[in-house]
Amino acid sequence: AGMLNDVPQPMLDEILTTIPSGQFGAAAQIASYVELLINSPYTTGQTLHVNGGQWMP
């Protein structure tokens, strides 16, 4: 939550209502996704959204 340290709690609560998973992503969750991509050399030219479902194209 380092990048969210200075965000007021009411704003964090509001943002959470827009995330279907109901939680902010933890560094370990992002790291596991990066690991997946590193180990998937056939995946190329994609725009991937790692945001708990907050935005789905």
Protein backbone atom coordinates (compact mmCIF):
# COMPACT_ATOMS: atom_id res chain seq x y z
CA ALA A 1 0.00 0.00 0.00
CA GLY A 2 3.02 2.28 -0.32
CA MET A 3 1.57 4.37 -3.14
CA LEU A 4 -1.68 4.74 -1.19
CA ASN A 5 -0.13 5.98 2.06
CA ASP A 6 -1.09 9.61 1.46
CA VAL A 7 -4.61 8.95 0.15
CA PRO A 8 -7.31 9.89 2.70
CA GLN A 9 -9.31 6.95 4.05
CA PRO A 10 -12.67 8.21 2.70
CA MET A 11 -11.18 8.28 -0.80
CA LEU A 12 -9.73 4.76 -0.38
CA ASP A 13 -13.15 3.53 0.71
CA GLU A 14 -14.73 5.07 -2.38
CA ILE A 15 -12.14 3.56 -4.71
CA LEU A 16 -12.69 0.12 -3.16
CA THR A 17 -16.36 0.27 -4.15
CA THR A 18 -15.23 0.31 -7.80
CA ILE A 19 -13.06 -2.82 -7.53
CA PRO A 20 -15.06 -6.06 -7.91
CA SER A 21 -12.47 -8.08 -5.99
CA GLY A 22 -13.02 -5.72 -3.04
CA GLN A 23 -9.34 -5.24 -2.32
CA PHE A 24 -6.31 -3.32 -3.46
CA GLY A 25 -3.64 -5.43 -5.10
CA ALA A 26 -0.71 -6.44 -2.95
CA ALA A 27 2.85 -6.44 -4.22
CA ALA A 28 2.95 -10.26 -4.04
CA GLN A 29 -0.13 -10.48 -6.28
CA ILE A 30 1.46 -8.25 -8.90
CA ALA A 31 4.76 -10.13 -8.61
CA SER A 32 3.05 -13.47 -9.27
CA TYR A 33 1.51 -12.02 -12.42
CA VAL A 34 4.87 -10.71 -13.59
CA GLU A 35 6.33 -14.17 -12.94
CA LEU A 36 3.58 -15.69 -15.09
CA LEU A 37 4.47 -13.35 -17.94
CA ILE A 38 8.19 -14.03 -17.61
CA ASN A 39 7.47 -17.73 -17.92
CA SER A 40 5.12 -17.28 -20.91
CA PRO A 41 7.35 -16.38 -23.86
CA TYR A 42 4.59 -17.03 -26.38
CA THR A 43 2.53 -14.13 -24.99
CA THR A 44 3.38 -11.03 -27.03
CA GLY A 45 1.83 -7.72 -28.01
CA GLN A 46 -0.87 -7.67 -25.37
CA THR A 47 -2.23 -4.95 -23.13
CA LEU A 48 -2.94 -6.59 -19.80
CA HIS A 49 -4.95 -4.99 -17.03
CA VAL A 50 -4.02 -6.11 -13.52
CA ASN A 51 -6.52 -4.17 -11.45
CA GLY A 52 -8.86 -6.55 -9.63
CA GLY A 53 -11.53 -6.00 -12.27
CA GLN A 54 -11.76 -2.24 -11.67
CA TRP A 55 -11.57 -1.65 -15.41
CA MET A 56 -12.50 -4.23 -18.00
CA PRO A 57 -12.38 -3.30 -21.70
